[in-house]
N, C-alpha and C. Protein backbone atom coordinates (compact mmCIF):
# COMPACT_ATOMS: atom_id res chain seq x y z
N MET A 1 0.84 -1.18 0.00
CA MET A 1 0.00 0.00 0.00
C MET A 1 0.89 1.24 0.00
N GLY A 2 0.51 2.21 -0.76
CA GLY A 2 1.27 3.44 -0.85
C GLY A 2 0.84 4.45 0.19
N PRO A 3 1.45 5.60 0.14
CA PRO A 3 1.08 6.66 1.08
C PRO A 3 -0.35 7.15 0.83
N LEU A 4 -0.89 7.84 1.79
CA LEU A 4 -2.25 8.34 1.66
C LEU A 4 -2.32 9.40 0.57
N SER A 5 -3.35 9.33 -0.24
CA SER A 5 -3.53 10.32 -1.29
C SER A 5 -4.22 11.56 -0.72
N GLY A 6 -4.29 12.60 -1.52
CA GLY A 6 -4.91 13.85 -1.09
C GLY A 6 -6.38 13.67 -0.74
N GLY A 7 -7.09 12.86 -1.52
CA GLY A 7 -8.50 12.61 -1.25
C GLY A 7 -8.72 11.89 0.08
N SER A 8 -7.83 10.97 0.39
CA SER A 8 -7.94 10.24 1.66
C SER A 8 -7.72 11.17 2.84
N LEU A 9 -6.74 12.06 2.72
CA LEU A 9 -6.47 13.01 3.80
C LEU A 9 -7.64 13.96 4.02
N ILE A 10 -8.27 14.40 2.95
CA ILE A 10 -9.43 15.29 3.05
C ILE A 10 -10.59 14.55 3.72
N LEU A 11 -10.80 13.30 3.34
CA LEU A 11 -11.87 12.50 3.95
C LEU A 11 -11.62 12.30 5.44
N ILE A 12 -10.38 12.03 5.83
CA ILE A 12 -10.04 11.86 7.25
C ILE A 12 -10.28 13.17 8.00
N ALA A 13 -9.91 14.30 7.41
CA ALA A 13 -10.11 15.59 8.06
C ALA A 13 -11.59 15.89 8.25
N ILE A 14 -12.42 15.57 7.26
CA ILE A 14 -13.86 15.81 7.36
C ILE A 14 -14.48 14.93 8.45
N VAL A 15 -14.07 13.67 8.51
CA VAL A 15 -14.61 12.77 9.53
C VAL A 15 -14.18 13.25 10.92
N ALA A 16 -12.92 13.67 11.08
CA ALA A 16 -12.46 14.18 12.37
C ALA A 16 -13.23 15.43 12.76
N LEU A 17 -13.50 16.29 11.81
CA LEU A 17 -14.27 17.52 12.07
C LEU A 17 -15.68 17.18 12.53
N LEU A 18 -16.30 16.19 11.90
CA LEU A 18 -17.65 15.79 12.28
C LEU A 18 -17.68 15.14 13.66
N ILE A 19 -16.66 14.35 13.98
CA ILE A 19 -16.65 13.63 15.25
C ILE A 19 -16.33 14.56 16.41
N PHE A 20 -15.27 15.36 16.27
CA PHE A 20 -14.79 16.16 17.39
C PHE A 20 -15.28 17.60 17.39
N GLY A 21 -15.65 18.13 16.26
CA GLY A 21 -16.11 19.51 16.18
C GLY A 21 -14.96 20.48 16.00
N PRO A 22 -15.26 21.66 15.47
CA PRO A 22 -14.19 22.61 15.15
C PRO A 22 -13.49 23.20 16.37
N LYS A 23 -14.14 23.23 17.52
CA LYS A 23 -13.52 23.82 18.70
C LYS A 23 -12.53 22.86 19.36
N LYS A 24 -12.75 21.57 19.21
CA LYS A 24 -11.92 20.57 19.89
C LYS A 24 -10.68 20.18 19.07
N LEU A 25 -10.71 20.35 17.74
CA LEU A 25 -9.60 19.92 16.90
C LEU A 25 -8.27 20.60 17.23
N PRO A 26 -8.21 21.92 17.45
CA PRO A 26 -6.92 22.52 17.81
C PRO A 26 -6.34 21.98 19.11
N GLU A 27 -7.20 21.71 20.07
CA GLU A 27 -6.74 21.13 21.34
C GLU A 27 -6.16 19.73 21.11
N LEU A 28 -6.82 18.93 20.27
CA LEU A 28 -6.33 17.59 19.98
C LEU A 28 -5.00 17.64 19.24
N GLY A 29 -4.86 18.58 18.32
CA GLY A 29 -3.60 18.74 17.60
C GLY A 29 -2.47 19.13 18.52
N LYS A 30 -2.75 20.04 19.43
CA LYS A 30 -1.74 20.48 20.39
C LYS A 30 -1.33 19.31 21.29
N ALA A 31 -2.30 18.54 21.75
CA ALA A 31 -2.00 17.38 22.60
C ALA A 31 -1.18 16.34 21.84
N ALA A 32 -1.52 16.11 20.59
CA ALA A 32 -0.78 15.13 19.79
C ALA A 32 0.66 15.61 19.57
N GLY A 33 0.84 16.90 19.32
CA GLY A 33 2.18 17.45 19.13
C GLY A 33 3.03 17.33 20.38
N SER A 34 2.45 17.62 21.53
CA SER A 34 3.23 17.52 22.77
C SER A 34 3.55 16.06 23.09
N THR A 35 2.64 15.15 22.76
CA THR A 35 2.90 13.73 22.98
C THR A 35 4.05 13.26 22.10
N LEU A 36 4.04 13.65 20.83
CA LEU A 36 5.13 13.27 19.93
C LEU A 36 6.46 13.86 20.38
N ARG A 37 6.43 15.09 20.87
CA ARG A 37 7.66 15.73 21.36
C ARG A 37 8.22 14.98 22.56
N GLU A 38 7.35 14.60 23.50
CA GLU A 38 7.79 13.83 24.67
C GLU A 38 8.35 12.48 24.25
N PHE A 39 7.69 11.82 23.31
CA PHE A 39 8.16 10.52 22.83
C PHE A 39 9.53 10.65 22.18
N LYS A 40 9.70 11.69 21.38
CA LYS A 40 10.99 11.91 20.71
C LYS A 40 12.09 12.15 21.73
N ASN A 41 11.82 12.96 22.73
CA ASN A 41 12.81 13.22 23.77
C ASN A 41 13.14 11.97 24.57
N ALA A 42 12.12 11.15 24.85
CA ALA A 42 12.34 9.93 25.62
C ALA A 42 13.17 8.93 24.83
N THR A 43 12.87 8.77 23.55
CA THR A 43 13.63 7.82 22.74
C THR A 43 15.05 8.31 22.52
N LYS A 44 15.24 9.61 22.45
CA LYS A 44 16.60 10.16 22.32
C LYS A 44 17.38 9.85 23.59
N GLY A 45 16.75 9.99 24.74
CA GLY A 45 17.39 9.67 26.00
C GLY A 45 17.76 8.20 26.09
N LEU A 46 16.89 7.31 25.59
CA LEU A 46 17.19 5.88 25.59
C LEU A 46 18.37 5.57 24.69
N ALA A 47 18.43 6.20 23.54
CA ALA A 47 19.55 5.98 22.63
C ALA A 47 20.84 6.47 23.26
N ASP A 48 20.80 7.59 23.96
CA ASP A 48 21.99 8.11 24.64
C ASP A 48 22.42 7.16 25.75
N ASP A 49 21.46 6.60 26.48
CA ASP A 49 21.77 5.64 27.54
C ASP A 49 22.43 4.39 26.98
N ASP A 50 21.94 3.93 25.82
CA ASP A 50 22.53 2.74 25.19
C ASP A 50 23.98 3.00 24.79
N ASP A 51 24.27 4.20 24.33
CA ASP A 51 25.63 4.53 23.94
C ASP A 51 26.56 4.55 25.15
N GLU A 52 26.06 4.93 26.30
CA GLU A 52 26.88 5.05 27.50
C GLU A 52 27.08 3.72 28.20
N LYS A 53 26.17 2.78 28.08
CA LYS A 53 26.25 1.52 28.81
C LYS A 53 27.50 0.70 28.47
N PRO A 54 27.89 0.52 27.21
CA PRO A 54 29.09 -0.27 26.94
C PRO A 54 30.35 0.32 27.58
N ASN A 55 30.46 1.61 27.64
CA ASN A 55 31.62 2.25 28.24
C ASN A 55 31.70 1.96 29.73
N THR A 56 30.56 2.03 30.43
CA THR A 56 30.56 1.80 31.87
C THR A 56 30.82 0.32 32.16
N GLN A 57 30.37 -0.59 31.30
CA GLN A 57 30.61 -2.00 31.52
C GLN A 57 32.08 -2.33 31.35
N LYS A 58 32.76 -1.70 30.42
CA LYS A 58 34.18 -1.95 30.21
C LYS A 58 34.98 -1.45 31.41
N GLU A 59 34.56 -0.32 32.00
CA GLU A 59 35.28 0.22 33.15
C GLU A 59 35.11 -0.67 34.36
N LYS A 60 33.93 -1.32 34.52
CA LYS A 60 33.67 -2.18 35.67
C LYS A 60 34.42 -3.50 35.55
N ALA A 61 34.65 -3.97 34.34
CA ALA A 61 35.27 -5.29 34.13
C ALA A 61 36.73 -5.29 34.39
């Protein structure tokens, strides 16, 4: 399956507008953005921790 086409995105936007209403959509977008930002920061921290673990294990051995 390929990426979503323009028509599919418009249909999804219309359905979201009907379900949540125009006043709630900006709040949902803001919440989704902050969630993605937190996830990105957390995964970056995990990757940094993985890089540091081999060094500390060599020092202990």
